C-alpha atoms as a PDB file:
ATOM      1  CA  MET A   1       0.000   0.000   0.000  1.00  0.00           C
ATOM      2  CA  ASP A   2       1.681   3.176  -1.231  1.00  0.00           C
ATOM      3  CA  LEU A   3       0.498   6.245   0.671  1.00  0.00           C
ATOM      4  CA  SER A   4       2.729   8.752  -1.102  1.00  0.00           C
ATOM      5  CA  GLY A   5       0.901  12.052  -1.456  1.00  0.00           C
ATOM      6  CA  HIS A   6      -1.067  11.624   1.751  1.00  0.00           C
ATOM      7  CA  ILE A   7      -0.572  14.110   4.586  1.00  0.00           C
ATOM      8  CA  ALA A   8      -1.520  12.571   7.928  1.00  0.00           C
ATOM      9  CA  ILE A   9      -1.949  14.067  11.375  1.00  0.00           C
ATOM     10  CA  VAL A  10      -1.550  11.518  14.174  1.00  0.00           C
ATOM     11  CA  THR A  11      -2.284  12.523  17.757  1.00  0.00           C
ATOM     12  CA  GLY A  12      -0.824  10.640  20.681  1.00  0.00           C
ATOM     13  CA  ALA A  13       2.075   9.826  18.382  1.00  0.00           C
ATOM     14  CA  GLY A  14       4.654   9.576  21.145  1.00  0.00           C
ATOM     15  CA  SER A  15       3.746   6.101  22.364  1.00  0.00           C
ATOM     16  CA  GLY A  16       1.601   3.030  21.937  1.00  0.00           C
ATOM     17  CA  VAL A  17      -0.906   2.891  19.108  1.00  0.00           C
ATOM     18  CA  GLY A  18      -0.240   6.487  18.049  1.00  0.00           C
ATOM     19  CA  ALA A  19       3.489   5.882  17.647  1.00  0.00           C
ATOM     20  CA  ALA A  20       2.909   2.626  15.771  1.00  0.00           C
ATOM     21  CA  THR A  21       0.409   4.319  13.451  1.00  0.00           C
ATOM     22  CA  ALA A  22       2.680   7.286  12.745  1.00  0.00           C
ATOM     23  CA  ALA A  23       5.563   4.958  11.902  1.00  0.00           C
ATOM     24  CA  LEU A  24       3.410   2.738   9.681  1.00  0.00           C
ATOM     25  CA  LEU A  25       1.975   5.670   7.737  1.00  0.00           C
ATOM     26  CA  ALA A  26       5.455   7.092   7.166  1.00  0.00           C
ATOM     27  CA  LYS A  27       6.836   3.683   6.183  1.00  0.00           C
ATOM     28  CA  ARG A  28       4.152   3.453   3.508  1.00  0.00           C
ATOM     29  CA  GLY A  29       5.018   6.858   2.095  1.00  0.00           C
ATOM     30  CA  ALA A  30       2.728   9.335   3.824  1.00  0.00           C
ATOM     31  CA  THR A  31       3.937  12.630   5.229  1.00  0.00           C
ATOM     32  CA  VAL A  32       3.213  12.481   8.955  1.00  0.00           C
ATOM     33  CA  ALA A  33       2.629  15.317  11.420  1.00  0.00           C
ATOM     34  CA  ALA A  34       3.139  13.792  14.867  1.00  0.00           C
ATOM     35  CA  PHE A  35       1.148  15.459  17.673  1.00  0.00           C
ATOM     36  CA  GLY A  36       1.863  14.876  21.355  1.00  0.00           C
ATOM     37  CA  ARG A  37       2.756  16.481  24.660  1.00  0.00           C
ATOM     38  CA  ARG A  38       6.466  15.626  24.727  1.00  0.00           C
ATOM     39  CA  GLU A  39       8.937  16.291  21.934  1.00  0.00           C
ATOM     40  CA  GLU A  40      11.448  13.493  22.487  1.00  0.00           C
ATOM     41  CA  PRO A  41       9.015  10.546  22.146  1.00  0.00           C
ATOM     42  CA  LEU A  42       7.504  12.151  19.050  1.00  0.00           C
ATOM     43  CA  ARG A  43      10.896  12.474  17.400  1.00  0.00           C
ATOM     44  CA  LYS A  44      11.682   8.864  18.253  1.00  0.00           C
ATOM     45  CA  ALA A  45       8.430   7.651  16.703  1.00  0.00           C
ATOM     46  CA  VAL A  46       9.223   9.183  13.302  1.00  0.00           C
ATOM     47  CA  SER A  47      13.025   9.116  13.539  1.00  0.00           C
ATOM     48  CA  GLY A  48      13.376   6.871  10.513  1.00  0.00           C
ATOM     49  CA  PHE A  49      11.546   9.320   8.272  1.00  0.00           C
ATOM     50  CA  PRO A  50      13.034  12.806   8.784  1.00  0.00           C
ATOM     51  CA  ASP A  51      12.181  14.003   5.269  1.00  0.00           C
ATOM     52  CA  GLN A  52       8.501  13.128   5.506  1.00  0.00           C
ATOM     53  CA  SER A  53       7.581  14.012   9.062  1.00  0.00           C
ATOM     54  CA  SER A  54       7.223  16.896  11.471  1.00  0.00           C
ATOM     55  CA  VAL A  55       6.820  17.048  15.230  1.00  0.00           C
ATOM     56  CA  HIS A  56       4.250  19.265  16.956  1.00  0.00           C
ATOM     57  CA  VAL A  57       4.196  19.585  20.744  1.00  0.00           C
ATOM     58  CA  VAL A  58       0.539  20.133  21.544  1.00  0.00           C
ATOM     59  CA  ASP A  59      -1.933  19.380  24.305  1.00  0.00           C
ATOM     60  CA  VAL A  60      -5.043  18.236  22.441  1.00  0.00           C
ATOM     61  CA  SER A  61      -7.262  19.304  25.341  1.00  0.00           C
ATOM     62  CA  ASP A  62      -6.328  22.941  24.620  1.00  0.00           C
ATOM     63  CA  PRO A  63      -8.274  24.195  21.572  1.00  0.00           C
ATOM     64  CA  VAL A  64      -5.921  27.153  21.078  1.00  0.00           C
ATOM     65  CA  GLN A  65      -2.881  24.876  20.878  1.00  0.00           C
ATOM     66  CA  VAL A  66      -4.753  22.538  18.534  1.00  0.00           C
ATOM     67  CA  ALA A  67      -5.728  25.330  16.140  1.00  0.00           C
ATOM     68  CA  LYS A  68      -2.132  26.551  15.968  1.00  0.00           C
ATOM     69  CA  ALA A  69      -0.720  23.059  15.435  1.00  0.00           C
ATOM     70  CA  VAL A  70      -3.120  22.264  12.591  1.00  0.00           C
ATOM     71  CA  ALA A  71      -2.363  25.622  10.963  1.00  0.00           C
ATOM     72  CA  ASP A  72       1.355  24.834  11.235  1.00  0.00           C
ATOM     73  CA  VAL A  73       0.781  21.516   9.452  1.00  0.00           C
ATOM     74  CA  VAL A  74      -1.015  23.246   6.591  1.00  0.00           C
ATOM     75  CA  THR A  75       1.787  25.802   6.281  1.00  0.00           C
ATOM     76  CA  LYS A  76       4.516  23.170   6.315  1.00  0.00           C
ATOM     77  CA  HIS A  77       2.940  20.307   4.362  1.00  0.00           C
ATOM     78  CA  GLY A  78      -0.358  21.428   2.834  1.00  0.00           C
ATOM     79  CA  ALA A  79      -3.926  20.333   3.523  1.00  0.00           C
ATOM     80  CA  PRO A  80      -4.100  17.079   5.491  1.00  0.00           C
ATOM     81  CA  THR A  81      -5.791  14.095   3.882  1.00  0.00           C
ATOM     82  CA  LEU A  82      -5.801  11.797   6.931  1.00  0.00           C
ATOM     83  CA  LEU A  83      -6.321  12.263  10.665  1.00  0.00           C
ATOM     84  CA  VAL A  84      -5.833   9.614  13.330  1.00  0.00           C
ATOM     85  CA  ASN A  85      -7.044  10.668  16.779  1.00  0.00           C
ATOM     86  CA  ALA A  86      -5.048   8.307  19.007  1.00  0.00           C
ATOM     87  CA  ALA A  87      -4.334  10.586  21.971  1.00  0.00           C
ATOM     88  CA  GLY A  88      -5.846   9.294  25.168  1.00  0.00           C
ATOM     89  CA  ILE A  89      -5.438   8.679  28.873  1.00  0.00           C
ATOM     90  CA  ASP A  90      -6.916   6.075  31.176  1.00  0.00           C
ATOM     91  CA  GLY A  91      -6.430   4.383  34.513  1.00  0.00           C
ATOM     92  CA  PRO A  92      -8.724   2.870  37.131  1.00  0.00           C
ATOM     93  CA  VAL A  93     -10.270   5.266  39.639  1.00  0.00           C
ATOM     94  CA  ALA A  94     -12.649   4.236  42.413  1.00  0.00           C
ATOM     95  CA  LEU A  95     -15.854   6.235  42.601  1.00  0.00           C
ATOM     96  CA  ASN A  96     -14.935   7.919  45.882  1.00  0.00           C
ATOM     97  CA  ASP A  97     -11.733   9.174  44.226  1.00  0.00           C
ATOM     98  CA  LEU A  98     -13.407  10.222  40.982  1.00  0.00           C
ATOM     99  CA  THR A  99     -13.297  13.954  41.647  1.00  0.00           C
ATOM    100  CA  PRO A 100     -14.511  16.571  39.172  1.00  0.00           C
ATOM    101  CA  ASP A 101     -10.875  17.294  38.265  1.00  0.00           C
ATOM    102  CA  VAL A 102     -10.180  13.638  37.427  1.00  0.00           C
ATOM    103  CA  TRP A 103     -13.430  13.368  35.477  1.00  0.00           C
ATOM    104  CA  ASN A 104     -12.851  16.583  33.552  1.00  0.00           C
ATOM    105  CA  GLU A 105      -9.293  15.647  32.590  1.00  0.00           C
ATOM    106  CA  GLN A 106     -10.445  12.337  31.115  1.00  0.00           C
ATOM    107  CA  ILE A 107     -13.224  13.963  29.097  1.00  0.00           C
ATOM    108  CA  ALA A 108     -10.953  16.841  28.059  1.00  0.00           C
ATOM    109  CA  VAL A 109      -8.307  14.580  26.528  1.00  0.00           C
ATOM    110  CA  ASN A 110     -10.249  11.574  25.246  1.00  0.00           C
ATOM    111  CA  LEU A 111     -13.405  13.251  23.980  1.00  0.00           C
ATOM    112  CA  SER A 112     -12.929  17.013  23.728  1.00  0.00           C
ATOM    113  CA  GLY A 113      -9.375  16.609  22.444  1.00  0.00           C
ATOM    114  CA  SER A 114     -10.522  14.290  19.660  1.00  0.00           C
ATOM    115  CA  PHE A 115     -13.245  16.778  18.755  1.00  0.00           C
ATOM    116  CA  TYR A 116     -10.931  19.797  18.729  1.00  0.00           C
ATOM    117  CA  VAL A 117      -8.445  18.114  16.397  1.00  0.00           C
ATOM    118  CA  ALA A 118     -11.188  16.687  14.169  1.00  0.00           C
ATOM    119  CA  ARG A 119     -12.887  20.067  13.890  1.00  0.00           C
ATOM    120  CA  GLU A 120      -9.766  22.049  13.053  1.00  0.00           C
ATOM    121  CA  THR A 121      -8.572  19.389  10.617  1.00  0.00           C
ATOM    122  CA  ALA A 122     -11.932  18.996   8.882  1.00  0.00           C
ATOM    123  CA  LEU A 123     -12.059  22.744   8.215  1.00  0.00           C
ATOM    124  CA  VAL A 124      -8.884  22.517   6.115  1.00  0.00           C
ATOM    125  CA  MET A 125      -8.899  18.876   5.000  1.00  0.00           C
ATOM    126  CA  ALA A 126      -8.761  18.023   1.327  1.00  0.00           C
ATOM    127  CA  ASP A 127     -11.868  16.515  -0.284  1.00  0.00           C
ATOM    128  CA  GLY A 128     -11.806  12.744   0.011  1.00  0.00           C
ATOM    129  CA  GLY A 129     -10.162  12.973   3.416  1.00  0.00           C
ATOM    130  CA  SER A 130     -10.520  10.422   6.169  1.00  0.00           C
ATOM    131  CA  ILE A 131     -10.670  10.697   9.964  1.00  0.00           C
ATOM    132  CA  VAL A 132     -10.194   7.713  12.274  1.00  0.00           C
ATOM    133  CA  ASN A 133     -10.968   8.134  15.963  1.00  0.00           C
ATOM    134  CA  LEU A 134      -9.683   5.670  18.533  1.00  0.00           C
ATOM    135  CA  GLY A 135     -12.466   4.188  20.591  1.00  0.00           C
ATOM    136  CA  SER A 136     -12.192   1.162  22.853  1.00  0.00           C
ATOM    137  CA  GLU A 137     -13.947  -2.037  23.845  1.00  0.00           C
ATOM    138  CA  LEU A 138     -15.186   0.241  26.640  1.00  0.00           C
ATOM    139  CA  SER A 139     -17.016   2.258  23.989  1.00  0.00           C
ATOM    140  CA  PHE A 140     -19.592  -0.567  24.282  1.00  0.00           C
ATOM    141  CA  LEU A 141     -19.011  -2.201  27.678  1.00  0.00           C
ATOM    142  CA  GLY A 142     -19.246  -0.897  31.215  1.00  0.00           C
ATOM    143  CA  MET A 143     -16.456  -1.650  33.690  1.00  0.00           C
ATOM    144  CA  GLY A 144     -16.077  -0.814  37.354  1.00  0.00           C
ATOM    145  CA  LEU A 145     -13.297   1.668  38.199  1.00  0.00           C
ATOM    146  CA  PHE A 146     -13.496   3.041  34.643  1.00  0.00           C
ATOM    147  CA  VAL A 147     -16.642   5.180  34.799  1.00  0.00           C
ATOM    148  CA  HIS A 148     -14.805   8.250  33.497  1.00  0.00           C
ATOM    149  CA  TYR A 149     -13.022   6.330  30.739  1.00  0.00           C
ATOM    150  CA  CYS A 150     -16.200   4.554  29.590  1.00  0.00           C
ATOM    151  CA  ALA A 151     -18.038   7.872  29.420  1.00  0.00           C
ATOM    152  CA  SER A 152     -15.301   9.416  27.292  1.00  0.00           C
ATOM    153  CA  LYS A 153     -15.091   6.451  24.917  1.00  0.00           C
ATOM    154  CA  PHE A 154     -18.855   6.028  24.554  1.00  0.00           C
ATOM    155  CA  GLY A 155     -18.801   9.709  23.630  1.00  0.00           C
ATOM    156  CA  VAL A 156     -16.179   9.142  20.944  1.00  0.00           C
ATOM    157  CA  ILE A 157     -18.570   6.786  19.133  1.00  0.00           C
ATOM    158  CA  GLY A 158     -21.432   9.271  19.215  1.00  0.00           C
ATOM    159  CA  MET A 159     -19.130  12.028  18.029  1.00  0.00           C
ATOM    160  CA  THR A 160     -17.811   9.816  15.230  1.00  0.00           C
ATOM    161  CA  LYS A 161     -21.286   9.050  13.919  1.00  0.00           C
ATOM    162  CA  ALA A 162     -22.428  12.676  14.082  1.00  0.00           C
ATOM    163  CA  LEU A 163     -19.281  13.985  12.390  1.00  0.00           C
ATOM    164  CA  ALA A 164     -19.676  11.364   9.674  1.00  0.00           C
ATOM    165  CA  MET A 165     -23.164  12.644   8.904  1.00  0.00           C
ATOM    166  CA  GLU A 166     -22.125  16.288   8.912  1.00  0.00           C
ATOM    167  CA  LEU A 167     -18.982  15.838   6.825  1.00  0.00           C
ATOM    168  CA  ALA A 168     -20.321  13.382   4.225  1.00  0.00           C
ATOM    169  CA  PRO A 169     -19.716  13.025   1.361  1.00  0.00           C
ATOM    170  CA  ARG A 170     -16.542  15.113   1.493  1.00  0.00           C
ATOM    171  CA  ILE A 171     -14.818  13.436   4.450  1.00  0.00           C
ATOM    172  CA  ARG A 172     -15.257   9.960   5.945  1.00  0.00           C
ATOM    173  CA  VAL A 173     -15.199   9.520   9.735  1.00  0.00           C
ATOM    174  CA  ASN A 174     -14.873   6.114  11.404  1.00  0.00           C
ATOM    175  CA  ALA A 175     -13.737   4.664  14.723  1.00  0.00           C
ATOM    176  CA  VAL A 176     -11.448   1.755  15.530  1.00  0.00           C
ATOM    177  CA  CYS A 177     -12.165   0.170  18.910  1.00  0.00           C
ATOM    178  CA  PRO A 178      -9.371  -1.979  20.341  1.00  0.00           C
ATOM    179  CA  GLY A 179      -9.499  -4.317  23.282  1.00  0.00           C
ATOM    180  CA  PRO A 180      -6.543  -4.598  25.682  1.00  0.00           C
ATOM    181  CA  ILE A 181      -3.228  -3.638  24.081  1.00  0.00           C
ATOM    182  CA  ASP A 182       0.265  -4.459  25.311  1.00  0.00           C
ATOM    183  CA  THR A 183       1.506  -0.896  25.827  1.00  0.00           C
ATOM    184  CA  PRO A 184       3.189   1.171  28.548  1.00  0.00           C
ATOM    185  CA  MET A 185      -0.257   2.599  29.318  1.00  0.00           C
ATOM    186  CA  MET A 186      -1.510  -0.920  30.035  1.00  0.00           C
ATOM    187  CA  ASP A 187       1.520  -1.606  32.248  1.00  0.00           C
ATOM    188  CA  ALA A 188       0.837   1.569  34.230  1.00  0.00           C
ATOM    189  CA  GLU A 189      -2.828   0.649  34.562  1.00  0.00           C
ATOM    190  CA  LEU A 190      -1.989  -2.817  35.923  1.00  0.00           C
ATOM    191  CA  GLU A 191       0.332  -1.316  38.534  1.00  0.00           C
ATOM    192  CA  TRP A 192      -2.720   0.218  40.213  1.00  0.00           C
ATOM    193  CA  PHE A 193      -3.800  -3.254  41.373  1.00  0.00           C
ATOM    194  CA  PRO A 194      -2.271  -5.098  44.369  1.00  0.00           C
ATOM    195  CA  ASP A 195      -0.962  -7.954  42.181  1.00  0.00           C
ATOM    196  CA  PRO A 196      -0.203  -6.651  38.664  1.00  0.00           C
ATOM    197  CA  VAL A 197       0.988 -10.053  37.404  1.00  0.00           C
ATOM    198  CA  ALA A 198      -2.184 -11.821  38.488  1.00  0.00           C
ATOM    199  CA  THR A 199      -4.301  -8.974  37.134  1.00  0.00           C
ATOM    200  CA  ARG A 200      -2.564  -9.248  33.754  1.00  0.00           C
ATOM    201  CA  LYS A 201      -3.210 -12.991  33.668  1.00  0.00           C
ATOM    202  CA  GLY A 202      -6.860 -12.413  34.487  1.00  0.00           C
ATOM    203  CA  ALA A 203      -7.182  -9.732  31.817  1.00  0.00           C
ATOM    204  CA  ILE A 204      -5.667 -12.029  29.201  1.00  0.00           C
ATOM    205  CA  GLU A 205      -7.918 -14.899  30.267  1.00  0.00           C
ATOM    206  CA  ARG A 206     -11.078 -12.881  29.571  1.00  0.00           C
ATOM    207  CA  VAL A 207      -9.978 -12.284  25.951  1.00  0.00           C
ATOM    208  CA  PRO A 208     -11.182 -15.137  23.694  1.00  0.00           C
ATOM    209  CA  MET A 209      -7.914 -14.893  21.719  1.00  0.00           C
ATOM    210  CA  LYS A 210      -6.006 -15.343  25.023  1.00  0.00           C
ATOM    211  CA  ARG A 211      -3.568 -12.489  24.519  1.00  0.00           C
ATOM    212  CA  PHE A 212      -3.319  -8.728  24.288  1.00  0.00           C
ATOM    213  CA  ALA A 213      -3.081  -6.975  20.930  1.00  0.00           C
ATOM    214  CA  THR A 214       0.146  -5.318  19.852  1.00  0.00           C
ATOM    215  CA  PRO A 215       0.168  -1.623  18.930  1.00  0.00           C
ATOM    216  CA  GLU A 216       1.279  -2.617  15.435  1.00  0.00           C
ATOM    217  CA  GLU A 217      -1.814  -4.783  14.931  1.00  0.00           C
ATOM    218  CA  ILE A 218      -4.097  -1.910  15.836  1.00  0.00           C
ATOM    219  CA  ALA A 219      -2.097   0.455  13.612  1.00  0.00           C
ATOM    220  CA  GLU A 220      -2.589  -1.886  10.642  1.00  0.00           C
ATOM    221  CA  THR A 221      -6.342  -1.755  11.177  1.00  0.00           C
ATOM    222  CA  ILE A 222      -6.361   2.025  11.565  1.00  0.00           C
ATOM    223  CA  VAL A 223      -4.471   2.546   8.317  1.00  0.00           C
ATOM    224  CA  PHE A 224      -6.720   0.087   6.479  1.00  0.00           C
ATOM    225  CA  VAL A 225      -9.848   1.859   7.708  1.00  0.00           C
ATOM    226  CA  ALA A 226      -8.352   5.250   6.852  1.00  0.00           C
ATOM    227  CA  VAL A 227      -7.522   4.517   3.226  1.00  0.00           C
ATOM    228  CA  SER A 228      -9.021   1.202   2.066  1.00  0.00           C
ATOM    229  CA  MET A 229     -12.694   1.421   3.074  1.00  0.00           C
ATOM    230  CA  PRO A 230     -13.972   4.149   0.725  1.00  0.00           C
ATOM    231  CA  PHE A 231     -17.687   3.451   1.302  1.00  0.00           C
ATOM    232  CA  ALA A 232     -17.486   3.241   5.098  1.00  0.00           C
ATOM    233  CA  THR A 233     -18.358   6.246   7.216  1.00  0.00           C
ATOM    234  CA  GLY A 234     -19.856   6.455  10.681  1.00  0.00           C
ATOM    235  CA  SER A 235     -18.696   2.891  11.269  1.00  0.00           C
ATOM    236  CA  THR A 236     -17.052   1.334  14.313  1.00  0.00           C
ATOM    237  CA  ILE A 237     -14.545  -1.463  13.793  1.00  0.00           C
ATOM    238  CA  SER A 238     -13.794  -3.634  16.817  1.00  0.00           C
ATOM    239  CA  VAL A 239     -10.315  -5.157  17.082  1.00  0.00           C
ATOM    240  CA  ASP A 240     -10.590  -6.661  20.536  1.00  0.00           C
ATOM    241  CA  GLY A 241      -9.821 -10.358  20.311  1.00  0.00           C
ATOM    242  CA  GLY A 242     -13.514 -11.110  20.735  1.00  0.00           C
ATOM    243  CA  THR A 243     -14.227  -9.339  24.028  1.00  0.00           C
ATOM    244  CA  THR A 244     -17.299  -7.507  22.737  1.00  0.00           C
ATOM    245  CA  ALA A 245     -18.651 -10.657  21.040  1.00  0.00           C
ATOM    246  CA  MET A 246     -19.288 -12.364  24.376  1.00  0.00           C
END
């Protein structure tokens, strides 16, 4: 799949699925604008492709920063053709600790951040463009200790469908919804529990495929949805090892 000529914005490009997606897009020929909070991880993610990438330090929960970053991409590379909204935060929080500040941060990054970047990008995106938002298995399932995360990811699906209707036929908007992924974010999440090793084993056991996904597997799906599903919009694609089929 040759993606030469595509200009892609990838948020959360400093680690996990975002980093894997940025690298895969660049490997296949796209020009990639890597968005994230810290410069060094962003540079590492696209280090093999210095002539077809740029790094943009931006907090997606800040609409002013987002508007400037998208404008910088247009100035440097031209109108984007692809957007992957992979920025996100999570972590278990018991209800008595779920303060307004914790709640608001989760919504600000996972839901509002995806909206801000999608809005600014859609306003300048070339016709035929494609937006892929990162949902989750918890876009469909409830889970204790993840009330804030579930709310944000359920919201991503509603936002995806509404944007798809508003932007059709000029721009397609879809969501990819992974299950558990073997990433540093997952490692940090497991450390919250008294026995992280046992918790990992239990988490793997509940997946019908009996393993976690790799970031690269999710990136492959994201890129496929972005460029190889021309009649799909407003769709959600689950890549969860079967967790939402149960």
